[in-house]
Amino acid sequence: MNEASYIEIIKDQTKRALWSLSNVIECVPIEYWNENYCEMPLWKHIYHTLHSLDMWYINPRKYYQPLFHIENLNNLDVKTDKILSKEELRHYYLIIEEKINKYNNSLTDDILLAKPENSEWTRFTLILAQHRHLHSHMGMIMGFIIAETGLWPKVVGLEDDIPTGDYSLYFNNNGRE
C-alpha cells in the first residue's frame, strides 16, 4: 500500500472491510438467518448494513434503490413482510463491492475534499462515515454469531493478508489465529 496517497489507503482499508463483511455474512448459520436480534431478523441487520454502504459510500443524493427493495426494508425500526435470502444478499454484496471498487479507482487525492453533485458532504466524509457505520453493524452481527455458535468470524486486520483460496471462516478461538 502506498501510504503517501489517501486514495490508496482508502482502497486498501475498504478492500479489507469488504472482505471482512463478506466473510461475516458467510459465517451466519442458516438456522439463525430469520431469528430476531434487537427485534429484527438477522438478515435485516445485514441488509441494513449493505443498503447503507450502497447508498451512502458514493453519493446518497444520486442513489437508486435496488430492484428488490421495498419501503422500509432497510429500516431496523420497521418490521416488513418481505424476507431476503442469504443468496440474494450475497449477490447484492457483490454488486456493491464492484460499484465501490470502480468508484474508488476513479478517485484522486485532490478531489476527496470536494462534494459530489448535490451532496452536502465531501467524498472523504461519506467514505469515512460508511467505514464507521459498516464496522458498527458488522460488530453487532459478529456478536450475534459468537453468542449463538461460540465461533468468532475471521476479519482482516491491517497487518493481515487477505485470504484467498481455501481458508477457515473463523478464528480458532477468541479472535486469535
N, C-alpha and C. Protein backbone atom coordinates (compact mmCIF):
# COMPACT_ATOMS: atom_id res chain seq x y z
N MET A 1 0.85 -1.17 0.00
CA MET A 1 0.00 0.00 0.00
C MET A 1 0.89 1.23 0.00
N ASN A 2 0.54 2.19 -0.82
CA ASN A 2 1.25 3.47 -0.89
C ASN A 2 0.64 4.42 0.13
N GLU A 3 1.30 4.57 1.27
CA GLU A 3 0.76 5.43 2.32
C GLU A 3 0.96 6.91 2.06
N ALA A 4 1.52 7.26 0.92
CA ALA A 4 1.65 8.67 0.55
C ALA A 4 0.40 9.13 -0.20
N SER A 5 -0.54 8.23 -0.42
CA SER A 5 -1.77 8.55 -1.15
C SER A 5 -2.98 8.19 -0.30
N TYR A 6 -3.82 9.19 -0.04
CA TYR A 6 -5.04 8.94 0.72
C TYR A 6 -5.92 7.90 0.03
N ILE A 7 -6.03 8.02 -1.28
CA ILE A 7 -6.89 7.09 -2.03
C ILE A 7 -6.37 5.66 -1.92
N GLU A 8 -5.07 5.47 -1.99
CA GLU A 8 -4.52 4.12 -1.88
C GLU A 8 -4.80 3.54 -0.49
N ILE A 9 -4.74 4.37 0.54
CA ILE A 9 -5.08 3.91 1.89
C ILE A 9 -6.56 3.55 1.96
N ILE A 10 -7.41 4.42 1.41
CA ILE A 10 -8.86 4.15 1.39
C ILE A 10 -9.15 2.86 0.64
N LYS A 11 -8.52 2.67 -0.51
CA LYS A 11 -8.74 1.44 -1.28
C LYS A 11 -8.35 0.21 -0.47
N ASP A 12 -7.19 0.26 0.16
CA ASP A 12 -6.71 -0.88 0.94
C ASP A 12 -7.65 -1.17 2.11
N GLN A 13 -7.99 -0.15 2.87
CA GLN A 13 -8.86 -0.36 4.04
C GLN A 13 -10.27 -0.79 3.62
N THR A 14 -10.75 -0.27 2.51
CA THR A 14 -12.07 -0.66 2.01
C THR A 14 -12.05 -2.12 1.56
N LYS A 15 -10.99 -2.52 0.89
CA LYS A 15 -10.87 -3.92 0.45
C LYS A 15 -10.90 -4.85 1.67
N ARG A 16 -10.19 -4.48 2.72
CA ARG A 16 -10.16 -5.28 3.95
C ARG A 16 -11.54 -5.32 4.62
N ALA A 17 -12.18 -4.16 4.67
CA ALA A 17 -13.51 -4.08 5.30
C ALA A 17 -14.53 -4.90 4.52
N LEU A 18 -14.50 -4.79 3.20
CA LEU A 18 -15.46 -5.53 2.38
C LEU A 18 -15.21 -7.04 2.47
N TRP A 19 -13.95 -7.45 2.46
CA TRP A 19 -13.66 -8.88 2.62
C TRP A 19 -14.21 -9.36 3.96
N SER A 20 -13.95 -8.60 5.00
CA SER A 20 -14.42 -8.98 6.34
C SER A 20 -15.93 -9.08 6.39
N LEU A 21 -16.62 -8.10 5.80
CA LEU A 21 -18.08 -8.13 5.77
C LEU A 21 -18.59 -9.37 5.04
N SER A 22 -18.00 -9.67 3.90
CA SER A 22 -18.40 -10.85 3.14
C SER A 22 -18.21 -12.11 3.97
N ASN A 23 -17.10 -12.20 4.68
CA ASN A 23 -16.85 -13.38 5.50
C ASN A 23 -17.84 -13.48 6.66
N VAL A 24 -18.14 -12.35 7.28
CA VAL A 24 -19.11 -12.36 8.39
C VAL A 24 -20.47 -12.83 7.88
N ILE A 25 -20.89 -12.35 6.72
CA ILE A 25 -22.17 -12.80 6.14
C ILE A 25 -22.13 -14.32 5.91
N GLU A 26 -21.01 -14.78 5.38
CA GLU A 26 -20.86 -16.22 5.12
C GLU A 26 -20.94 -17.03 6.41
N CYS A 27 -20.52 -16.45 7.52
CA CYS A 27 -20.50 -17.15 8.81
C CYS A 27 -21.87 -17.29 9.46
N VAL A 28 -22.87 -16.60 8.97
CA VAL A 28 -24.19 -16.68 9.60
C VAL A 28 -24.80 -18.05 9.32
N PRO A 29 -25.00 -18.87 10.34
CA PRO A 29 -25.64 -20.16 10.13
C PRO A 29 -27.08 -19.95 9.63
N ILE A 30 -27.47 -20.73 8.66
CA ILE A 30 -28.79 -20.56 8.04
C ILE A 30 -29.92 -20.67 9.07
N GLU A 31 -29.71 -21.45 10.13
CA GLU A 31 -30.77 -21.59 11.13
C GLU A 31 -31.01 -20.32 11.94
N TYR A 32 -30.09 -19.36 11.85
CA TYR A 32 -30.27 -18.08 12.55
C TYR A 32 -30.65 -16.95 11.60
N TRP A 33 -30.73 -17.21 10.31
CA TRP A 33 -30.97 -16.19 9.30
C TRP A 33 -32.22 -15.35 9.60
N ASN A 34 -33.29 -16.00 10.00
CA ASN A 34 -34.55 -15.30 10.28
C ASN A 34 -34.81 -15.08 11.77
N GLU A 35 -33.85 -15.44 12.61
CA GLU A 35 -34.00 -15.23 14.06
C GLU A 35 -33.92 -13.74 14.38
N ASN A 36 -34.72 -13.31 15.35
CA ASN A 36 -34.73 -11.90 15.74
C ASN A 36 -33.62 -11.59 16.73
N TYR A 37 -32.95 -10.49 16.47
CA TYR A 37 -31.95 -9.91 17.36
C TYR A 37 -32.27 -8.43 17.42
N CYS A 38 -32.43 -7.91 18.63
CA CYS A 38 -32.85 -6.50 18.78
C CYS A 38 -34.14 -6.26 18.00
N GLU A 39 -35.03 -7.24 18.06
CA GLU A 39 -36.38 -7.18 17.49
C GLU A 39 -36.45 -7.21 15.96
N MET A 40 -35.34 -7.51 15.30
CA MET A 40 -35.34 -7.63 13.84
C MET A 40 -34.58 -8.89 13.44
N PRO A 41 -34.98 -9.53 12.32
CA PRO A 41 -34.28 -10.73 11.89
C PRO A 41 -32.82 -10.42 11.51
N LEU A 42 -31.97 -11.39 11.72
CA LEU A 42 -30.55 -11.21 11.45
C LEU A 42 -30.30 -10.76 10.02
N TRP A 43 -31.02 -11.34 9.05
CA TRP A 43 -30.81 -10.94 7.65
C TRP A 43 -31.07 -9.44 7.47
N LYS A 44 -32.02 -8.88 8.23
CA LYS A 44 -32.35 -7.47 8.07
C LYS A 44 -31.22 -6.58 8.59
N HIS A 45 -30.52 -7.03 9.62
CA HIS A 45 -29.33 -6.30 10.09
C HIS A 45 -28.28 -6.27 8.97
N ILE A 46 -28.13 -7.39 8.28
CA ILE A 46 -27.17 -7.46 7.18
C ILE A 46 -27.62 -6.56 6.04
N TYR A 47 -28.89 -6.63 5.68
CA TYR A 47 -29.39 -5.78 4.59
C TYR A 47 -29.24 -4.30 4.94
N HIS A 48 -29.56 -3.93 6.16
CA HIS A 48 -29.40 -2.54 6.59
C HIS A 48 -27.95 -2.08 6.38
N THR A 49 -27.01 -2.92 6.75
CA THR A 49 -25.59 -2.60 6.60
C THR A 49 -25.22 -2.45 5.13
N LEU A 50 -25.63 -3.41 4.31
CA LEU A 50 -25.32 -3.36 2.88
C LEU A 50 -26.00 -2.17 2.20
N HIS A 51 -27.26 -1.95 2.50
CA HIS A 51 -28.01 -0.87 1.87
C HIS A 51 -27.37 0.48 2.18
N SER A 52 -26.98 0.68 3.42
CA SER A 52 -26.34 1.93 3.81
C SER A 52 -25.03 2.11 3.07
N LEU A 53 -24.25 1.06 2.98
CA LEU A 53 -22.99 1.11 2.24
C LEU A 53 -23.25 1.46 0.78
N ASP A 54 -24.24 0.85 0.19
CA ASP A 54 -24.60 1.11 -1.20
C ASP A 54 -25.07 2.55 -1.40
N MET A 55 -25.88 3.04 -0.50
CA MET A 55 -26.48 4.37 -0.65
C MET A 55 -25.52 5.51 -0.30
N TRP A 56 -24.76 5.35 0.77
CA TRP A 56 -24.02 6.48 1.34
C TRP A 56 -22.54 6.53 0.99
N TYR A 57 -21.93 5.47 0.54
CA TYR A 57 -20.49 5.48 0.28
C TYR A 57 -20.13 6.44 -0.85
N ILE A 58 -20.95 6.49 -1.89
CA ILE A 58 -20.62 7.28 -3.08
C ILE A 58 -21.34 8.62 -3.10
N ASN A 59 -22.66 8.60 -3.14
CA ASN A 59 -23.42 9.85 -3.15
C ASN A 59 -24.89 9.53 -2.88
N PRO A 60 -25.35 9.79 -1.67
CA PRO A 60 -26.74 9.45 -1.33
C PRO A 60 -27.77 10.26 -2.10
N ARG A 61 -27.37 11.37 -2.69
CA ARG A 61 -28.31 12.23 -3.41
C ARG A 61 -28.47 11.81 -4.87
N LYS A 62 -27.67 10.84 -5.31
CA LYS A 62 -27.81 10.29 -6.66
C LYS A 62 -27.85 8.77 -6.55
N TYR A 63 -28.77 8.29 -5.77
CA TYR A 63 -28.85 6.87 -5.47
C TYR A 63 -30.17 6.31 -5.97
N TYR A 64 -30.10 5.10 -6.49
CA TYR A 64 -31.30 4.39 -6.93
C TYR A 64 -31.41 3.09 -6.14
N GLN A 65 -32.58 2.85 -5.59
CA GLN A 65 -32.80 1.65 -4.79
C GLN A 65 -32.62 0.39 -5.65
N PRO A 66 -32.15 -0.71 -5.05
CA PRO A 66 -32.11 -1.97 -5.79
C PRO A 66 -33.53 -2.39 -6.16
N LEU A 67 -33.67 -3.13 -7.23
CA LEU A 67 -34.99 -3.50 -7.74
C LEU A 67 -35.82 -4.29 -6.72
N PHE A 68 -35.17 -5.06 -5.88
CA PHE A 68 -35.91 -5.88 -4.91
C PHE A 68 -36.32 -5.09 -3.66
N HIS A 69 -35.86 -3.87 -3.53
CA HIS A 69 -36.12 -3.07 -2.33
C HIS A 69 -37.59 -2.67 -2.25
N ILE A 70 -38.12 -2.71 -1.04
CA ILE A 70 -39.44 -2.14 -0.77
C ILE A 70 -39.27 -1.15 0.37
N GLU A 71 -40.24 -0.28 0.53
CA GLU A 71 -40.16 0.74 1.57
C GLU A 71 -39.88 0.12 2.94
N ASN A 72 -38.91 0.70 3.62
CA ASN A 72 -38.51 0.32 4.98
C ASN A 72 -37.81 -1.03 5.10
N LEU A 73 -37.48 -1.66 3.99
CA LEU A 73 -36.79 -2.94 4.08
C LEU A 73 -35.44 -2.79 4.79
N ASN A 74 -34.82 -1.63 4.64
CA ASN A 74 -33.53 -1.35 5.27
C ASN A 74 -33.65 -0.77 6.68
N ASN A 75 -34.85 -0.45 7.11
CA ASN A 75 -35.07 0.26 8.36
C ASN A 75 -35.17 -0.73 9.53
N LEU A 76 -34.25 -0.61 10.46
CA LEU A 76 -34.22 -1.53 11.61
C LEU A 76 -35.27 -1.20 12.67
N ASP A 77 -36.06 -0.16 12.43
CA ASP A 77 -37.14 0.20 13.35
C ASP A 77 -38.51 -0.21 12.82
N VAL A 78 -38.56 -0.77 11.59
CA VAL A 78 -39.84 -1.09 10.97
C VAL A 78 -39.83 -2.55 10.50
N LYS A 79 -40.79 -3.33 10.97
CA LYS A 79 -40.92 -4.72 10.51
C LYS A 79 -41.55 -4.74 9.12
N THR A 80 -41.06 -5.62 8.28
CA THR A 80 -41.61 -5.78 6.93
C THR A 80 -41.92 -7.25 6.70
N ASP A 81 -42.80 -7.51 5.76
CA ASP A 81 -43.16 -8.90 5.45
C ASP A 81 -42.14 -9.57 4.54
N LYS A 82 -41.48 -8.78 3.72
CA LYS A 82 -40.52 -9.34 2.76
C LYS A 82 -39.30 -9.89 3.50
N ILE A 83 -38.81 -11.03 3.03
CA ILE A 83 -37.61 -11.67 3.58
C ILE A 83 -36.60 -11.81 2.45
N LEU A 84 -35.35 -11.49 2.74
CA LEU A 84 -34.28 -11.66 1.76
C LEU A 84 -33.44 -12.88 2.13
N SER A 85 -33.12 -13.69 1.14
CA SER A 85 -32.34 -14.90 1.38
C SER A 85 -30.86 -14.56 1.47
N LYS A 86 -30.11 -15.52 1.97
CA LYS A 86 -28.66 -15.36 2.05
C LYS A 86 -28.09 -15.19 0.64
N GLU A 87 -28.60 -15.95 -0.30
CA GLU A 87 -28.13 -15.85 -1.69
C GLU A 87 -28.42 -14.47 -2.27
N GLU A 88 -29.59 -13.93 -2.01
CA GLU A 88 -29.91 -12.57 -2.50
C GLU A 88 -28.96 -11.54 -1.91
N LEU A 89 -28.65 -11.67 -0.64
CA LEU A 89 -27.74 -10.70 -0.02
C LEU A 89 -26.30 -10.91 -0.44
N ARG A 90 -25.89 -12.14 -0.72
CA ARG A 90 -24.55 -12.38 -1.30
C ARG A 90 -24.45 -11.68 -2.65
N HIS A 91 -25.48 -11.83 -3.47
CA HIS A 91 -25.49 -11.20 -4.79
C HIS A 91 -25.46 -9.67 -4.67
N TYR A 92 -26.25 -9.13 -3.77
CA TYR A 92 -26.27 -7.68 -3.54
C TYR A 92 -24.90 -7.20 -3.07
N TYR A 93 -24.26 -7.95 -2.18
CA TYR A 93 -22.91 -7.62 -1.73
C TYR A 93 -21.96 -7.51 -2.93
N LEU A 94 -22.00 -8.46 -3.84
CA LEU A 94 -21.09 -8.45 -5.00
C LEU A 94 -21.32 -7.22 -5.88
N ILE A 95 -22.56 -6.82 -6.04
CA ILE A 95 -22.88 -5.61 -6.81
C ILE A 95 -22.27 -4.38 -6.12
N ILE A 96 -22.45 -4.30 -4.82
CA ILE A 96 -21.91 -3.16 -4.05
C ILE A 96 -20.39 -3.15 -4.10
N GLU A 97 -19.78 -4.30 -3.91
CA GLU A 97 -18.32 -4.40 -3.95
C GLU A 97 -17.78 -3.88 -5.29
N GLU A 98 -18.39 -4.31 -6.37
CA GLU A 98 -17.95 -3.87 -7.70
C GLU A 98 -18.14 -2.37 -7.86
N LYS A 99 -19.28 -1.86 -7.43
CA LYS A 99 -19.57 -0.43 -7.54
C LYS A 99 -18.56 0.41 -6.74
N ILE A 100 -18.27 -0.02 -5.53
CA ILE A 100 -17.34 0.72 -4.67
C ILE A 100 -15.92 0.65 -5.23
N ASN A 101 -15.50 -0.52 -5.68
CA ASN A 101 -14.15 -0.64 -6.26
C ASN A 101 -14.00 0.24 -7.49
N LYS A 102 -15.00 0.26 -8.34
CA LYS A 102 -14.97 1.12 -9.53
C LYS A 102 -14.89 2.59 -9.12
N TYR A 103 -15.70 2.97 -8.15
CA TYR A 103 -15.70 4.35 -7.65
C TYR A 103 -14.34 4.71 -7.06
N ASN A 104 -13.82 3.87 -6.18
CA ASN A 104 -12.52 4.15 -5.56
C ASN A 104 -11.43 4.29 -6.61
N ASN A 105 -11.48 3.47 -7.65
CA ASN A 105 -10.47 3.55 -8.72
C ASN A 105 -10.59 4.83 -9.54
N SER A 106 -11.73 5.50 -9.45
CA SER A 106 -11.91 6.76 -10.20
C SER A 106 -11.47 7.98 -9.39
N LEU A 107 -11.21 7.80 -8.11
CA LEU A 107 -10.88 8.93 -7.24
C LEU A 107 -9.40 9.27 -7.27
N THR A 108 -9.13 10.53 -6.98
CA THR A 108 -7.76 11.02 -6.78
C THR A 108 -7.74 11.80 -5.47
N ASP A 109 -6.57 11.91 -4.89
CA ASP A 109 -6.45 12.61 -3.60
C ASP A 109 -7.01 14.02 -3.65
N ASP A 110 -6.82 14.69 -4.78
CA ASP A 110 -7.21 16.11 -4.85
C ASP A 110 -8.72 16.34 -4.87
N ILE A 111 -9.53 15.31 -5.08
CA ILE A 111 -10.99 15.53 -5.07
C ILE A 111 -11.68 14.94 -3.84
N LEU A 112 -10.91 14.38 -2.93
CA LEU A 112 -11.51 13.79 -1.73
C LEU A 112 -12.28 14.79 -0.88
N LEU A 113 -11.81 16.02 -0.83
CA LEU A 113 -12.48 17.03 -0.01
C LEU A 113 -13.51 17.83 -0.78
N ALA A 114 -13.78 17.42 -2.02
CA ALA A 114 -14.85 18.05 -2.81
C ALA A 114 -16.15 17.28 -2.57
N LYS A 115 -17.25 17.97 -2.74
CA LYS A 115 -18.56 17.36 -2.55
C LYS A 115 -19.07 16.80 -3.87
N PRO A 116 -19.59 15.56 -3.87
CA PRO A 116 -20.23 15.05 -5.08
C PRO A 116 -21.47 15.89 -5.39
N GLU A 117 -21.94 15.77 -6.60
CA GLU A 117 -23.10 16.55 -7.05
C GLU A 117 -24.28 16.44 -6.08
N ASN A 118 -24.82 17.59 -5.70
CA ASN A 118 -25.99 17.71 -4.82
C ASN A 118 -25.79 17.17 -3.41
N SER A 119 -24.57 16.90 -3.03
CA SER A 119 -24.30 16.36 -1.69
C SER A 119 -23.84 17.47 -0.75
N GLU A 120 -24.27 17.39 0.48
CA GLU A 120 -23.83 18.35 1.47
C GLU A 120 -22.55 17.90 2.18
N TRP A 121 -22.05 16.69 1.84
CA TRP A 121 -20.85 16.16 2.46
C TRP A 121 -19.76 15.90 1.41
N THR A 122 -18.52 15.95 1.85
CA THR A 122 -17.41 15.66 0.95
C THR A 122 -17.32 14.15 0.70
N ARG A 123 -16.59 13.81 -0.35
CA ARG A 123 -16.38 12.38 -0.64
C ARG A 123 -15.71 11.68 0.55
N PHE A 124 -14.72 12.36 1.13
CA PHE A 124 -14.00 11.76 2.26
C PHE A 124 -14.93 11.54 3.45
N THR A 125 -15.79 12.49 3.74
CA THR A 125 -16.75 12.35 4.84
C THR A 125 -17.67 11.16 4.61
N LEU A 126 -18.19 11.03 3.39
CA LEU A 126 -19.09 9.92 3.08
C LEU A 126 -18.40 8.57 3.24
N ILE A 127 -17.17 8.48 2.74
CA ILE A 127 -16.42 7.22 2.83
C ILE A 127 -16.12 6.87 4.28
N LEU A 128 -15.62 7.85 5.03
CA LEU A 128 -15.27 7.60 6.42
C LEU A 128 -16.51 7.25 7.25
N ALA A 129 -17.61 7.94 6.99
CA ALA A 129 -18.86 7.67 7.71
C ALA A 129 -19.33 6.24 7.44
N GLN A 130 -19.15 5.76 6.22
CA GLN A 130 -19.58 4.39 5.93
C GLN A 130 -18.67 3.36 6.55
N HIS A 131 -17.38 3.66 6.64
CA HIS A 131 -16.49 2.73 7.35
C HIS A 131 -16.93 2.63 8.81
N ARG A 132 -17.27 3.75 9.42
CA ARG A 132 -17.74 3.75 10.81
C ARG A 132 -19.03 2.94 10.93
N HIS A 133 -19.99 3.23 10.07
CA HIS A 133 -21.29 2.55 10.12
C HIS A 133 -21.13 1.05 9.86
N LEU A 134 -20.37 0.71 8.85
CA LEU A 134 -20.14 -0.69 8.49
C LEU A 134 -19.56 -1.46 9.67
N HIS A 135 -18.54 -0.91 10.30
CA HIS A 135 -17.90 -1.65 11.38
C HIS A 135 -18.78 -1.72 12.63
N SER A 136 -19.60 -0.71 12.87
CA SER A 136 -20.53 -0.78 14.00
C SER A 136 -21.49 -1.95 13.82
N HIS A 137 -22.10 -2.03 12.64
CA HIS A 137 -23.08 -3.09 12.41
C HIS A 137 -22.42 -4.46 12.23
N MET A 138 -21.25 -4.49 11.61
CA MET A 138 -20.56 -5.76 11.46
C MET A 138 -20.21 -6.33 12.84
N GLY A 139 -19.82 -5.46 13.77
CA GLY A 139 -19.54 -5.90 15.13
C GLY A 139 -20.77 -6.48 15.81
N MET A 140 -21.92 -5.84 15.59
CA MET A 140 -23.16 -6.37 16.16
C MET A 140 -23.48 -7.75 15.58
N ILE A 141 -23.37 -7.87 14.27
CA ILE A 141 -23.66 -9.14 13.60
C ILE A 141 -22.69 -10.22 14.09
N MET A 142 -21.41 -9.86 14.23
CA MET A 142 -20.44 -10.81 14.77
C MET A 142 -20.83 -11.24 16.18
N GLY A 143 -21.30 -10.29 16.98
CA GLY A 143 -21.73 -10.62 18.34
C GLY A 143 -22.87 -11.62 18.35
N PHE A 144 -23.83 -11.45 17.42
CA PHE A 144 -24.93 -12.41 17.32
C PHE A 144 -24.40 -13.80 16.99
N ILE A 145 -23.46 -13.85 16.03
CA ILE A 145 -22.89 -15.13 15.60
C ILE A 145 -22.13 -15.78 16.76
N ILE A 146 -21.29 -15.00 17.42
CA ILE A 146 -20.49 -15.53 18.52
C ILE A 146 -21.39 -16.04 19.65
N ALA A 147 -22.42 -15.27 19.98
CA ALA A 147 -23.33 -15.66 21.07
C ALA A 147 -24.04 -16.98 20.76
N GLU A 148 -24.40 -17.19 19.50
CA GLU A 148 -25.15 -18.40 19.13
C GLU A 148 -24.25 -19.62 18.90
N THR A 149 -23.06 -19.39 18.36
CA THR A 149 -22.23 -20.52 17.92
C THR A 149 -20.95 -20.71 18.74
N GLY A 150 -20.52 -19.65 19.40
CA GLY A 150 -19.22 -19.70 20.08
C GLY A 150 -18.06 -19.54 19.12
N LEU A 151 -18.35 -19.33 17.84
CA LEU A 151 -17.31 -19.17 16.82
C LEU A 151 -17.13 -17.69 16.49
N TRP A 152 -15.89 -17.29 16.27
CA TRP A 152 -15.53 -15.90 16.04
C TRP A 152 -15.19 -15.72 14.55
N PRO A 153 -16.06 -15.04 13.77
CA PRO A 153 -15.78 -14.86 12.34
C PRO A 153 -14.45 -14.14 12.09
N LYS A 154 -13.73 -14.64 11.11
CA LYS A 154 -12.45 -14.04 10.76
C LYS A 154 -12.67 -12.70 10.07
N VAL A 155 -11.88 -11.70 10.46
CA VAL A 155 -11.84 -10.40 9.81
C VAL A 155 -10.37 -10.10 9.51
N VAL A 156 -10.14 -9.16 8.59
CA VAL A 156 -8.78 -8.88 8.15
C VAL A 156 -8.28 -7.58 8.79
N GLY A 157 -7.22 -7.69 9.57
CA GLY A 157 -6.61 -6.52 10.20
C GLY A 157 -5.60 -5.85 9.28
N LEU A 158 -5.00 -4.80 9.76
CA LEU A 158 -4.05 -4.01 8.98
C LEU A 158 -2.84 -4.82 8.54
N GLU A 159 -2.37 -5.70 9.40
CA GLU A 159 -1.16 -6.47 9.08
C GLU A 159 -1.45 -7.80 8.40
N ASP A 160 -2.70 -8.17 8.31
CA ASP A 160 -3.07 -9.48 7.77
C ASP A 160 -3.13 -9.47 6.25
N ASP A 161 -2.75 -10.60 5.66
CA ASP A 161 -3.00 -10.81 4.24
C ASP A 161 -4.47 -11.16 4.07
N ILE A 162 -5.05 -10.72 2.97
CA ILE A 162 -6.43 -11.08 2.68
C ILE A 162 -6.43 -12.53 2.18
N PRO A 163 -7.15 -13.40 2.87
CA PRO A 163 -7.16 -14.81 2.48
C PRO A 163 -7.68 -15.03 1.05
N THR A 164 -7.08 -15.98 0.39
CA THR A 164 -7.55 -16.41 -0.93
C THR A 164 -7.60 -17.93 -0.90
N GLY A 165 -8.31 -18.49 -1.85
CA GLY A 165 -8.41 -19.94 -1.88
C GLY A 165 -9.16 -20.46 -0.68
N ASP A 166 -8.79 -21.64 -0.21
CA ASP A 166 -9.44 -22.24 0.96
C ASP A 166 -8.90 -21.59 2.23
N TYR A 167 -9.78 -21.24 3.12
CA TYR A 167 -9.38 -20.67 4.41
C TYR A 167 -10.49 -20.97 5.41
N SER A 168 -10.16 -20.90 6.67
CA SER A 168 -11.15 -21.08 7.72
C SER A 168 -11.97 -19.80 7.85
N LEU A 169 -13.29 -19.93 7.93
CA LEU A 169 -14.16 -18.77 8.09
C LEU A 169 -13.98 -18.12 9.46
N TYR A 170 -13.44 -18.87 10.41
CA TYR A 170 -13.39 -18.42 11.79
C TYR A 170 -11.96 -18.38 12.32
N PHE A 171 -11.75 -17.50 13.30
CA PHE A 171 -10.53 -17.57 14.08
C PHE A 171 -10.65 -18.83 14.94
N ASN A 172 -9.52 -19.35 15.38
CA ASN A 172 -9.55 -20.59 16.16
C ASN A 172 -10.26 -20.43 17.49
N ASN A 173 -9.97 -19.32 18.19
CA ASN A 173 -10.63 -19.17 19.46
C ASN A 173 -10.38 -17.78 20.01
N ASN A 174 -11.46 -17.16 20.40
CA ASN A 174 -11.42 -15.81 20.97
C ASN A 174 -10.70 -14.80 20.08
N GLY A 175 -10.91 -14.88 18.79
CA GLY A 175 -10.37 -13.89 17.88
C GLY A 175 -8.91 -14.08 17.52
N ARG A 176 -8.34 -15.24 17.80
CA ARG A 176 -6.93 -15.48 17.51
C ARG A 176 -6.79 -16.51 16.40
N GLU A 177 -5.73 -16.38 15.62
CA GLU A 177 -5.45 -17.34 14.55
C GLU A 177 -5.18 -18.72 15.08
